[in-house]
PDB file of N, CA and C in Angstrom:
ATOM      1  N   UNK A   1     119.642 -52.815 -37.426  1.00  0.00           N
ATOM      2  CA  UNK A   1     118.536 -52.307 -36.639  1.00  0.00           C
ATOM      3  C   UNK A   1     118.173 -50.888 -37.073  1.00  0.00           C
ATOM      4  N   UNK A   2     119.192 -50.081 -37.376  1.00  0.00           N
ATOM      5  CA  UNK A   2     118.943 -48.701 -37.778  1.00  0.00           C
ATOM      6  C   UNK A   2     118.187 -48.645 -39.099  1.00  0.00           C
ATOM      7  N   UNK A   3     118.526 -49.577 -39.997  1.00  0.00           N
ATOM      8  CA  UNK A   3     117.831 -49.634 -41.269  1.00  0.00           C
ATOM      9  C   UNK A   3     116.353 -49.963 -41.072  1.00  0.00           C
ATOM     10  N   UNK A   4     116.064 -50.870 -40.223  1.00  0.00           N
ATOM     11  CA  UNK A   4     114.679 -51.253 -39.937  1.00  0.00           C
ATOM     12  C   UNK A   4     113.908 -50.067 -39.354  1.00  0.00           C
ATOM     13  N   UNK A   5     114.545 -49.340 -38.435  1.00  0.00           N
ATOM     14  CA  UNK A   5     113.899 -48.160 -37.865  1.00  0.00           C
ATOM     15  C   UNK A   5     113.631 -47.103 -38.939  1.00  0.00           C
ATOM     16  N   UNK A   6     114.568 -46.916 -39.848  1.00  0.00           N
ATOM     17  CA  UNK A   6     114.396 -45.942 -40.919  1.00  0.00           C
ATOM     18  C   UNK A   6     113.252 -46.351 -41.848  1.00  0.00           C
ATOM     19  N   UNK A   7     113.174 -47.619 -42.187  1.00  0.00           N
ATOM     20  CA  UNK A   7     112.087 -48.125 -43.036  1.00  0.00           C
ATOM     21  C   UNK A   7     110.747 -47.963 -42.334  1.00  0.00           C
ATOM     22  N   UNK A   8     110.705 -48.287 -41.061  1.00  0.00           N
ATOM     23  CA  UNK A   8     109.454 -48.134 -40.308  1.00  0.00           C
ATOM     24  C   UNK A   8     109.056 -46.664 -40.194  1.00  0.00           C
ATOM     25  N   UNK A   9     110.033 -45.774 -39.997  1.00  0.00           N
ATOM     26  CA  UNK A   9     109.753 -44.344 -39.933  1.00  0.00           C
ATOM     27  C   UNK A   9     109.186 -43.846 -41.255  1.00  0.00           C
ATOM     28  N   UNK A  10     109.765 -44.276 -42.357  1.00  0.00           N
ATOM     29  CA  UNK A  10     109.247 -43.888 -43.675  1.00  0.00           C
ATOM     30  C   UNK A  10     107.834 -44.432 -43.885  1.00  0.00           C
ATOM     31  N   UNK A  11     107.573 -45.637 -43.451  1.00  0.00           N
ATOM     32  CA  UNK A  11     106.234 -46.226 -43.587  1.00  0.00           C
ATOM     33  C   UNK A  11     105.219 -45.450 -42.753  1.00  0.00           C
ATOM     34  N   UNK A  12     105.599 -45.073 -41.541  1.00  0.00           N
ATOM     35  CA  UNK A  12     104.683 -44.299 -40.690  1.00  0.00           C
ATOM     36  C   UNK A  12     104.423 -42.927 -41.303  1.00  0.00           C
ATOM     37  N   UNK A  13     105.477 -42.278 -41.824  1.00  0.00           N
ATOM     38  CA  UNK A  13     105.302 -40.961 -42.450  1.00  0.00           C
ATOM     39  C   UNK A  13     104.410 -41.048 -43.687  1.00  0.00           C
ATOM     40  N   UNK A  14     104.626 -42.077 -44.497  1.00  0.00           N
ATOM     41  CA  UNK A  14     103.803 -42.250 -45.703  1.00  0.00           C
ATOM     42  C   UNK A  14     102.352 -42.506 -45.326  1.00  0.00           C
ATOM     43  N   UNK A  15     102.121 -43.345 -44.336  1.00  0.00           N
ATOM     44  CA  UNK A  15     100.735 -43.614 -43.933  1.00  0.00           C
ATOM     45  C   UNK A  15     100.095 -42.379 -43.299  1.00  0.00           C
ATOM     46  N   UNK A  16     100.882 -41.569 -42.585  1.00  0.00           N
ATOM     47  CA  UNK A  16     100.338 -40.344 -41.997  1.00  0.00           C
ATOM     48  C   UNK A  16      99.942 -39.357 -43.088  1.00  0.00           C
ATOM     49  N   UNK A  17     100.798 -39.192 -44.097  1.00  0.00           N
ATOM     50  CA  UNK A  17     100.467 -38.297 -45.218  1.00  0.00           C
ATOM     51  C   UNK A  17      99.245 -38.806 -45.985  1.00  0.00           C
ATOM     52  N   UNK A  18      99.181 -40.119 -46.178  1.00  0.00           N
ATOM     53  CA  UNK A  18      98.025 -40.708 -46.855  1.00  0.00           C
ATOM     54  C   UNK A  18      96.749 -40.470 -46.049  1.00  0.00           C
ATOM     55  N   UNK A  19      96.821 -40.610 -44.744  1.00  0.00           N
ATOM     56  CA  UNK A  19      95.675 -40.388 -43.871  1.00  0.00           C
ATOM     57  C   UNK A  19      95.205 -38.935 -43.942  1.00  0.00           C
ATOM     58  N   UNK A  20      96.143 -38.004 -43.936  1.00  0.00           N
ATOM     59  CA  UNK A  20      95.782 -36.588 -44.040  1.00  0.00           C
ATOM     60  C   UNK A  20      95.095 -36.314 -45.372  1.00  0.00           C
ATOM     61  N   UNK A  21      95.638 -36.879 -46.442  1.00  0.00           N
ATOM     62  CA  UNK A  21      95.034 -36.686 -47.767  1.00  0.00           C
ATOM     63  C   UNK A  21      93.624 -37.258 -47.821  1.00  0.00           C
ATOM     64  N   UNK A  22      93.432 -38.432 -47.301  1.00  0.00           N
ATOM     65  CA  UNK A  22      92.116 -39.080 -47.311  1.00  0.00           C
ATOM     66  C   UNK A  22      91.121 -38.278 -46.468  1.00  0.00           C
ATOM     67  N   UNK A  23      91.547 -37.761 -45.327  1.00  0.00           N
ATOM     68  CA  UNK A  23      90.649 -36.945 -44.500  1.00  0.00           C
ATOM     69  C   UNK A  23      90.246 -35.670 -45.226  1.00  0.00           C
ATOM     70  N   UNK A  24      91.196 -35.054 -45.914  1.00  0.00           N
ATOM     71  CA  UNK A  24      90.882 -33.842 -46.676  1.00  0.00           C
ATOM     72  C   UNK A  24      89.869 -34.137 -47.772  1.00  0.00           C
ATOM     73  N   UNK A  25      90.079 -35.209 -48.523  1.00  0.00           N
ATOM     74  CA  UNK A  25      89.136 -35.597 -49.575  1.00  0.00           C
ATOM     75  C   UNK A  25      87.767 -35.919 -48.993  1.00  0.00           C
ATOM     76  N   UNK A  26      87.764 -36.586 -47.841  1.00  0.00           N
ATOM     77  CA  UNK A  26      86.506 -36.931 -47.197  1.00  0.00           C
ATOM     78  C   UNK A  26      85.739 -35.675 -46.795  1.00  0.00           C
ATOM     79  N   UNK A  27      86.437 -34.706 -46.231  1.00  0.00           N
ATOM     80  CA  UNK A  27      85.776 -33.458 -45.835  1.00  0.00           C
ATOM     81  C   UNK A  27      85.264 -32.693 -47.040  1.00  0.00           C
ATOM     82  N   UNK A  28      86.060 -32.644 -48.095  1.00  0.00           N
ATOM     83  CA  UNK A  28      85.605 -31.919 -49.288  1.00  0.00           C
ATOM     84  C   UNK A  28      84.400 -32.608 -49.927  1.00  0.00           C
ATOM     85  N   UNK A  29      84.384 -33.935 -49.918  1.00  0.00           N
ATOM     86  CA  UNK A  29      83.225 -34.660 -50.442  1.00  0.00           C
ATOM     87  C   UNK A  29      81.992 -34.445 -49.567  1.00  0.00           C
ATOM     88  N   UNK A  30      82.187 -34.389 -48.267  1.00  0.00           N
ATOM     89  CA  UNK A  30      81.071 -34.135 -47.361  1.00  0.00           C
ATOM     90  C   UNK A  30      80.483 -32.748 -47.625  1.00  0.00           C
ATOM     91  N   UNK A  31      81.340 -31.751 -47.837  1.00  0.00           N
ATOM     92  CA  UNK A  31      80.864 -30.396 -48.138  1.00  0.00           C
ATOM     93  C   UNK A  31      80.105 -30.395 -49.463  1.00  0.00           C
ATOM     94  N   UNK A  32      80.608 -31.125 -50.436  1.00  0.00           N
ATOM     95  CA  UNK A  32      79.937 -31.200 -51.734  1.00  0.00           C
ATOM     96  C   UNK A  32      78.571 -31.869 -51.613  1.00  0.00           C
ATOM     97  N   UNK A  33      78.487 -32.929 -50.839  1.00  0.00           N
ATOM     98  CA  UNK A  33      77.202 -33.607 -50.622  1.00  0.00           C
ATOM     99  C   UNK A  33      76.227 -32.668 -49.900  1.00  0.00           C
ATOM    100  N   UNK A  34      76.735 -31.933 -48.916  1.00  0.00           N
ATOM    101  CA  UNK A  34      75.892 -30.998 -48.182  1.00  0.00           C
ATOM    102  C   UNK A  34      75.353 -29.912 -49.113  1.00  0.00           C
ATOM    103  N   UNK A  35      76.194 -29.407 -50.000  1.00  0.00           N
ATOM    104  CA  UNK A  35      75.730 -28.409 -50.981  1.00  0.00           C
ATOM    105  C   UNK A  35      74.677 -29.003 -51.908  1.00  0.00           C
ATOM    106  N   UNK A  36      74.886 -30.246 -52.335  1.00  0.00           N
ATOM    107  CA  UNK A  36      73.922 -30.892 -53.223  1.00  0.00           C
ATOM    108  C   UNK A  36      72.580 -31.090 -52.526  1.00  0.00           C
ATOM    109  N   UNK A  37      72.609 -31.455 -51.262  1.00  0.00           N
ATOM    110  CA  UNK A  37      71.361 -31.627 -50.502  1.00  0.00           C
ATOM    111  C   UNK A  37      70.645 -30.285 -50.359  1.00  0.00           C
ATOM    112  N   UNK A  38      71.404 -29.223 -50.091  1.00  0.00           N
ATOM    113  CA  UNK A  38      70.796 -27.896 -49.962  1.00  0.00           C
ATOM    114  C   UNK A  38      70.195 -27.451 -51.295  1.00  0.00           C
ATOM    115  N   UNK A  39      70.889 -27.712 -52.383  1.00  0.00           N
ATOM    116  CA  UNK A  39      70.360 -27.362 -53.706  1.00  0.00           C
ATOM    117  C   UNK A  39      69.108 -28.178 -54.018  1.00  0.00           C
ATOM    118  N   UNK A  40      69.112 -29.454 -53.656  1.00  0.00           N
ATOM    119  CA  UNK A  40      67.935 -30.302 -53.866  1.00  0.00           C
ATOM    120  C   UNK A  40      66.738 -29.758 -53.105  1.00  0.00           C
ATOM    121  N   UNK A  41      66.966 -29.369 -51.862  1.00  0.00           N
ATOM    122  CA  UNK A  41      65.890 -28.809 -51.054  1.00  0.00           C
ATOM    123  C   UNK A  41      65.366 -27.513 -51.680  1.00  0.00           C
ATOM    124  N   UNK A  42      66.264 -26.671 -52.136  1.00  0.00           N
ATOM    125  CA  UNK A  42      65.870 -25.411 -52.771  1.00  0.00           C
ATOM    126  C   UNK A  42      65.060 -25.670 -54.040  1.00  0.00           C
ATOM    127  N   UNK A  43      65.492 -26.643 -54.842  1.00  0.00           N
ATOM    128  CA  UNK A  43      64.777 -26.962 -56.078  1.00  0.00           C
ATOM    129  C   UNK A  43      63.413 -27.590 -55.803  1.00  0.00           C
ATOM    130  N   UNK A  44      63.304 -28.384 -54.753  1.00  0.00           N
ATOM    131  CA  UNK A  44      62.003 -28.954 -54.393  1.00  0.00           C
ATOM    132  C   UNK A  44      61.027 -27.856 -53.987  1.00  0.00           C
ATOM    133  N   UNK A  45      61.499 -26.881 -53.222  1.00  0.00           N
ATOM    134  CA  UNK A  45      60.644 -25.761 -52.821  1.00  0.00           C
ATOM    135  C   UNK A  45      60.218 -24.960 -54.046  1.00  0.00           C
ATOM    136  N   UNK A  46      61.166 -24.717 -54.951  1.00  0.00           N
ATOM    137  CA  UNK A  46      60.845 -23.972 -56.179  1.00  0.00           C
ATOM    138  C   UNK A  46      59.831 -24.744 -57.025  1.00  0.00           C
ATOM    139  N   UNK A  47      59.983 -26.061 -57.102  1.00  0.00           N
ATOM    140  CA  UNK A  47      59.045 -26.880 -57.862  1.00  0.00           C
ATOM    141  C   UNK A  47      57.643 -26.807 -57.258  1.00  0.00           C
ATOM    142  N   UNK A  48      57.561 -26.893 -55.944  1.00  0.00           N
ATOM    143  CA  UNK A  48      56.251 -26.796 -55.287  1.00  0.00           C
ATOM    144  C   UNK A  48      55.609 -25.431 -55.548  1.00  0.00           C
ATOM    145  N   UNK A  49      56.420 -24.368 -55.481  1.00  0.00           N
ATOM    146  CA  UNK A  49      55.898 -23.026 -55.740  1.00  0.00           C
ATOM    147  C   UNK A  49      55.381 -22.911 -57.174  1.00  0.00           C
ATOM    148  N   UNK A  50      56.118 -23.473 -58.119  1.00  0.00           N
ATOM    149  CA  UNK A  50      55.696 -23.419 -59.513  1.00  0.00           C
ATOM    150  C   UNK A  50      54.438 -24.248 -59.756  1.00  0.00           C
ATOM    151  N   UNK A  51      54.313 -25.376 -59.061  1.00  0.00           N
ATOM    152  CA  UNK A  51      53.106 -26.189 -59.210  1.00  0.00           C
ATOM    153  C   UNK A  51      51.879 -25.434 -58.688  1.00  0.00           C
ATOM    154  N   UNK A  52      52.041 -24.747 -57.558  1.00  0.00           N
ATOM    155  CA  UNK A  52      50.930 -23.955 -57.010  1.00  0.00           C
ATOM    156  C   UNK A  52      50.576 -22.827 -57.976  1.00  0.00           C
ATOM    157  N   UNK A  53      51.589 -22.172 -58.526  1.00  0.00           N
ATOM    158  CA  UNK A  53      51.346 -21.087 -59.472  1.00  0.00           C
ATOM    159  C   UNK A  53      50.667 -21.610 -60.737  1.00  0.00           C
ATOM    160  N   UNK A  54      51.059 -22.788 -61.183  1.00  0.00           N
ATOM    161  CA  UNK A  54      50.452 -23.401 -62.368  1.00  0.00           C
ATOM    162  C   UNK A  54      48.974 -23.689 -62.122  1.00  0.00           C
ATOM    163  N   UNK A  55      48.676 -24.235 -60.934  1.00  0.00           N
ATOM    164  CA  UNK A  55      47.264 -24.509 -60.615  1.00  0.00           C
ATOM    165  C   UNK A  55      46.459 -23.212 -60.525  1.00  0.00           C
ATOM    166  N   UNK A  56      47.075 -22.156 -60.014  1.00  0.00           N
ATOM    167  CA  UNK A  56      46.374 -20.876 -59.899  1.00  0.00           C
ATOM    168  C   UNK A  56      46.123 -20.263 -61.274  1.00  0.00           C
ATOM    169  N   UNK A  57      47.033 -20.480 -62.198  1.00  0.00           N
ATOM    170  CA  UNK A  57      46.883 -19.904 -63.542  1.00  0.00           C
ATOM    171  C   UNK A  57      45.827 -20.644 -64.370  1.00  0.00           C
ATOM    172  N   UNK A  58      45.510 -21.860 -64.036  1.00  0.00           N
ATOM    173  CA  UNK A  58      44.616 -22.684 -64.850  1.00  0.00           C
ATOM    174  C   UNK A  58      43.185 -22.720 -64.330  1.00  0.00           C
ATOM    175  N   UNK A  59      42.778 -21.765 -63.527  1.00  0.00           N
ATOM    176  CA  UNK A  59      41.399 -21.766 -63.038  1.00  0.00           C
ATOM    177  C   UNK A  59      40.452 -21.399 -64.176  1.00  0.00           C
ATOM    178  N   UNK A  60      39.261 -21.980 -64.209  1.00  0.00           N
ATOM    179  CA  UNK A  60      38.315 -21.686 -65.292  1.00  0.00           C
ATOM    180  C   UNK A  60      37.936 -20.204 -65.384  1.00  0.00           C
ATOM    181  N   UNK A  61      37.813 -19.537 -64.258  1.00  0.00           N
ATOM    182  CA  UNK A  61      37.458 -18.116 -64.277  1.00  0.00           C
ATOM    183  C   UNK A  61      38.543 -17.288 -64.947  1.00  0.00           C
ATOM    184  N   UNK A  62      39.800 -17.588 -64.646  1.00  0.00           N
ATOM    185  CA  UNK A  62      40.906 -16.848 -65.254  1.00  0.00           C
ATOM    186  C   UNK A  62      40.980 -17.115 -66.753  1.00  0.00           C
ATOM    187  N   UNK A  63      40.772 -18.357 -67.169  1.00  0.00           N
ATOM    188  CA  UNK A  63      40.815 -18.695 -68.597  1.00  0.00           C
ATOM    189  C   UNK A  63      39.687 -17.986 -69.337  1.00  0.00           C
ATOM    190  N   UNK A  64      38.508 -17.954 -68.745  1.00  0.00           N
ATOM    191  CA  UNK A  64      37.388 -17.259 -69.381  1.00  0.00           C
ATOM    192  C   UNK A  64      37.683 -15.760 -69.502  1.00  0.00           C
ATOM    193  N   UNK A  65      38.255 -15.167 -68.480  1.00  0.00           N
ATOM    194  CA  UNK A  65      38.595 -13.738 -68.521  1.00  0.00           C
ATOM    195  C   UNK A  65      39.634 -13.460 -69.609  1.00  0.00           C
ATOM    196  N   UNK A  66      40.660 -14.318 -69.716  1.00  0.00           N
ATOM    197  CA  UNK A  66      41.667 -14.142 -70.758  1.00  0.00           C
ATOM    198  C   UNK A  66      41.060 -14.301 -72.146  1.00  0.00           C
ATOM    199  N   UNK A  67      40.147 -15.250 -72.295  1.00  0.00           N
ATOM    200  CA  UNK A  67      39.504 -15.453 -73.588  1.00  0.00           C
ATOM    201  C   UNK A  67      38.698 -14.222 -73.995  1.00  0.00           C
ATOM    202  N   UNK A  68      38.007 -13.612 -73.047  1.00  0.00           N
ATOM    203  CA  UNK A  68      37.214 -12.417 -73.356  1.00  0.00           C
ATOM    204  C   UNK A  68      38.094 -11.204 -73.610  1.00  0.00           C
ATOM    205  N   UNK A  69      39.096 -10.987 -72.763  1.00  0.00           N
ATOM    206  CA  UNK A  69      39.902  -9.768 -72.853  1.00  0.00           C
ATOM    207  C   UNK A  69      40.938  -9.826 -73.975  1.00  0.00           C
ATOM    208  N   UNK A  70      41.724 -10.858 -74.016  1.00  0.00           N
ATOM    209  CA  UNK A  70      42.832 -10.891 -74.962  1.00  0.00           C
ATOM    210  C   UNK A  70      42.440 -11.449 -76.324  1.00  0.00           C
ATOM    211  N   UNK A  71      41.597 -12.458 -76.345  1.00  0.00           N
ATOM    212  CA  UNK A  71      41.225 -13.094 -77.610  1.00  0.00           C
ATOM    213  C   UNK A  71      39.925 -12.556 -78.185  1.00  0.00           C
ATOM    214  N   UNK A  72      39.252 -11.691 -77.443  1.00  0.00           N
ATOM    215  CA  UNK A  72      37.980 -11.085 -77.862  1.00  0.00           C
ATOM    216  C   UNK A  72      36.944 -12.154 -78.207  1.00  0.00           C
ATOM    217  N   UNK A  73      36.924 -13.198 -77.405  1.00  0.00           N
ATOM    218  CA  UNK A  73      35.945 -14.267 -77.607  1.00  0.00           C
ATOM    219  C   UNK A  73      34.687 -13.930 -76.814  1.00  0.00           C
ATOM    220  N   UNK A  74      33.594 -14.492 -77.236  1.00  0.00           N
ATOM    221  CA  UNK A  74      32.339 -14.291 -76.525  1.00  0.00           C
ATOM    222  C   UNK A  74      31.550 -15.597 -76.564  1.00  0.00           C
ATOM    223  N   UNK A  75      30.598 -15.704 -75.676  1.00  0.00           N
ATOM    224  CA  UNK A  75      29.787 -16.918 -75.635  1.00  0.00           C
ATOM    225  C   UNK A  75      28.860 -16.940 -76.838  1.00  0.00           C
ATOM    226  N   UNK A  76      28.549 -18.136 -77.302  1.00  0.00           N
ATOM    227  CA  UNK A  76      27.697 -18.258 -78.482  1.00  0.00           C
ATOM    228  C   UNK A  76      26.226 -18.071 -78.104  1.00  0.00           C
ATOM    229  N   UNK A  77      25.512 -17.419 -78.987  1.00  0.00           N
ATOM    230  CA  UNK A  77      24.072 -17.215 -78.822  1.00  0.00           C
ATOM    231  C   UNK A  77      23.393 -17.672 -80.108  1.00  0.00           C
ATOM    232  N   UNK A  78      22.097 -17.928 -80.076  1.00  0.00           N
ATOM    233  CA  UNK A  78      21.402 -18.347 -81.307  1.00  0.00           C
ATOM    234  C   UNK A  78      21.471 -17.287 -82.406  1.00  0.00           C
ATOM    235  N   UNK A  79      21.653 -16.034 -82.053  1.00  0.00           N
ATOM    236  CA  UNK A  79      21.696 -14.984 -83.059  1.00  0.00           C
ATOM    237  C   UNK A  79      22.970 -15.045 -83.900  1.00  0.00           C
ATOM    238  N   UNK A  80      24.064 -15.537 -83.338  1.00  0.00           N
ATOM    239  CA  UNK A  80      25.313 -15.573 -84.095  1.00  0.00           C
ATOM    240  C   UNK A  80      25.703 -16.987 -84.519  1.00  0.00           C
ATOM    241  N   UNK A  81      24.828 -17.963 -84.293  1.00  0.00           N
ATOM    242  CA  UNK A  81      25.122 -19.338 -84.632  1.00  0.00           C
ATOM    243  C   UNK A  81      24.677 -19.619 -86.054  1.00  0.00           C
ATOM    244  N   UNK A  82      25.547 -20.233 -86.835  1.00  0.00           N
ATOM    245  CA  UNK A  82      25.194 -20.625 -88.192  1.00  0.00           C
ATOM    246  C   UNK A  82      25.155 -22.140 -88.254  1.00  0.00           C
ATOM    247  N   UNK A  83      24.057 -22.686 -88.739  1.00  0.00           N
ATOM    248  CA  UNK A  83      23.884 -24.127 -88.814  1.00  0.00           C
ATOM    249  C   UNK A  83      24.153 -24.586 -90.231  1.00  0.00           C
ATOM    250  N   UNK A  84      24.838 -25.704 -90.362  1.00  0.00           N
ATOM    251  CA  UNK A  84      25.162 -26.272 -91.653  1.00  0.00           C
ATOM    252  C   UNK A  84      24.330 -27.532 -91.818  1.00  0.00           C
ATOM    253  N   UNK A  85      23.629 -27.627 -92.921  1.00  0.00           N
ATOM    254  CA  UNK A  85      22.829 -28.825 -93.183  1.00  0.00           C
ATOM    255  C   UNK A  85      23.535 -29.680 -94.201  1.00  0.00           C
ATOM    256  N   UNK A  86      23.404 -30.967 -94.083  1.00  0.00           N
ATOM    257  CA  UNK A  86      24.066 -31.899 -94.969  1.00  0.00           C
ATOM    258  C   UNK A  86      23.095 -32.273 -96.091  1.00  0.00           C
ATOM    259  N   UNK A  87      23.564 -32.246 -97.354  1.00  0.00           N
ATOM    260  CA  UNK A  87      22.767 -32.702 -98.467  1.00  0.00           C
ATOM    261  C   UNK A  87      21.966 -31.590 -99.133  1.00  0.00           C
ATOM    262  N   UNK A  88      22.003 -30.411 -98.655  1.00  0.00           N
ATOM    263  CA  UNK A  88      21.266 -29.316 -99.304  1.00  0.00           C
ATOM    264  C   UNK A  88      22.097 -28.776-100.453  1.00  0.00           C
ATOM    265  N   UNK A  89      21.489 -28.710-101.645  1.00  0.00           N
ATOM    266  CA  UNK A  89      22.192 -28.213-102.846  1.00  0.00           C
ATOM    267  C   UNK A  89      21.826 -26.757-103.073  1.00  0.00           C
ATOM    268  N   UNK A  90      22.770 -25.926-103.431  1.00  0.00           N
ATOM    269  CA  UNK A  90      22.464 -24.513-103.665  1.00  0.00           C
ATOM    270  C   UNK A  90      21.816 -24.248-104.990  1.00  0.00           C
TER     271      UNK A  90
END
């Protein structure tokens, strides 16, 4: 009878230690999932902000201003237009 009690005590202790280990792993995984969800939310907000900024940067008025200021481009006029004719020999 004493042997049976000792075996049962060892089984209960082993299952208790296993239960504690599993609970610890479960909690650590839950914390990891929570961090991943928070990071996902942060990245979604950053993506939305970047999309809004991208749309703001691509407005026609801004592109025209950059073309004039940085690239020194100007609108074409008949005075600066050169026409090429096909078949004319020099």
